[in-house]
Amino acid sequence: METALALRTLDPDPSTNIFIIKKKDFSLAVTRNRLKRRIKNILKDLGFDHGLVIICKPGADRFGYKDLKNHAEDELRKLHEVK
């Protein structure tokens, strides 16, 4: 499966999430904002509403909510295996 997201822990200030959505990869602001809203909701549903750096990879906008949620769950699982 193609990975749409990459997640990292945020050590200095765990009270917020940081989104990295490059304008080069997602030229329309509507697309960038939609991705950000979807991922915010997904992380909130999964109980991770702070302390992460979220990197949207090119093509992430092609995935629907369920697919993005699966990607986020996979990345969170990997993140916790590393700790």
Protein backbone atom coordinates (compact mmCIF):
# COMPACT_ATOMS: atom_id res chain seq x y z
CA MET A 1 0.00 0.00 0.00
CA GLU A 2 1.26 3.47 -0.88
CA THR A 3 1.91 5.60 2.19
CA ALA A 4 0.07 8.93 2.31
CA LEU A 5 1.31 10.17 5.68
CA ALA A 6 4.38 10.19 7.87
CA LEU A 7 4.13 10.89 11.58
CA ARG A 8 6.82 11.93 14.06
CA THR A 9 6.65 12.84 17.73
CA LEU A 10 7.00 16.47 18.70
CA ASP A 11 9.38 16.70 21.65
CA PRO A 12 9.80 20.45 22.28
CA ASP A 13 6.12 21.41 22.51
CA PRO A 14 3.73 18.45 22.73
CA SER A 15 0.68 20.69 23.21
CA THR A 16 0.05 21.07 19.48
CA ASN A 17 0.28 19.28 16.13
CA ILE A 18 2.38 20.55 13.26
CA PHE A 19 1.23 19.90 9.71
CA ILE A 20 3.64 19.86 6.78
CA ILE A 21 1.70 20.11 3.53
CA LYS A 22 3.93 21.45 0.78
CA LYS A 23 2.45 23.86 -1.72
CA LYS A 24 4.64 22.23 -4.37
CA ASP A 25 2.85 18.89 -3.84
CA PHE A 26 -0.66 20.32 -3.31
CA SER A 27 -0.98 23.50 -5.33
CA LEU A 28 -4.58 24.38 -4.43
CA ALA A 29 -5.25 25.86 -1.00
CA VAL A 30 -8.61 24.07 -0.95
CA THR A 31 -6.82 20.72 -1.23
CA ARG A 32 -4.28 21.58 1.49
CA ASN A 33 -7.01 22.77 3.87
CA ARG A 34 -9.19 19.72 3.20
CA LEU A 35 -6.27 17.40 3.98
CA LYS A 36 -5.50 19.29 7.16
CA ARG A 37 -9.13 19.14 8.34
CA ARG A 38 -9.43 15.42 7.55
CA ILE A 39 -6.22 14.54 9.33
CA LYS A 40 -7.11 16.70 12.36
CA ASN A 41 -10.42 14.83 12.67
CA ILE A 42 -8.76 11.45 12.19
CA LEU A 43 -6.16 12.12 14.88
CA LYS A 44 -8.82 13.45 17.24
CA ASP A 45 -10.89 10.28 16.69
CA LEU A 46 -7.80 8.18 17.43
CA GLY A 47 -7.01 10.17 20.58
CA PHE A 48 -3.85 11.85 19.26
CA ASP A 49 -4.88 15.48 19.01
CA HIS A 50 -1.46 16.88 20.02
CA GLY A 51 2.25 16.14 20.07
CA LEU A 52 2.76 15.00 16.46
CA VAL A 53 4.38 16.26 13.29
CA ILE A 54 2.24 15.20 10.33
CA ILE A 55 3.86 15.11 6.90
CA CYS A 56 1.50 14.74 3.93
CA LYS A 57 3.17 12.94 1.09
CA PRO A 58 2.41 13.65 -2.59
CA GLY A 59 -0.81 11.95 -3.62
CA ALA A 60 -2.35 11.97 -0.14
CA ASP A 61 -5.25 13.99 -1.52
CA ARG A 62 -6.32 10.99 -3.63
CA PHE A 63 -7.26 9.02 -0.52
CA GLY A 64 -10.63 9.24 1.17
CA TYR A 65 -11.27 9.55 4.89
CA LYS A 66 -11.21 5.80 5.61
CA ASP A 67 -7.97 5.25 3.70
CA LEU A 68 -6.28 8.20 5.39
CA LYS A 69 -7.44 6.87 8.76
CA ASN A 70 -5.89 3.48 7.93
CA HIS A 71 -2.63 5.19 6.96
CA ALA A 72 -2.64 7.20 10.19
CA GLU A 73 -3.28 4.06 12.27
CA ASP A 74 -0.41 2.26 10.52
CA GLU A 75 1.94 5.19 11.10
CA LEU A 76 0.92 5.51 14.76
CA ARG A 77 1.54 1.78 15.21
CA LYS A 78 5.01 2.13 13.67
CA LEU A 79 5.71 5.18 15.83
CA HIS A 80 4.89 3.30 19.02
CA GLU A 81 6.97 0.27 17.98
CA VAL A 82 10.03 2.52 17.67
CA LYS A 83 9.68 3.98 21.20
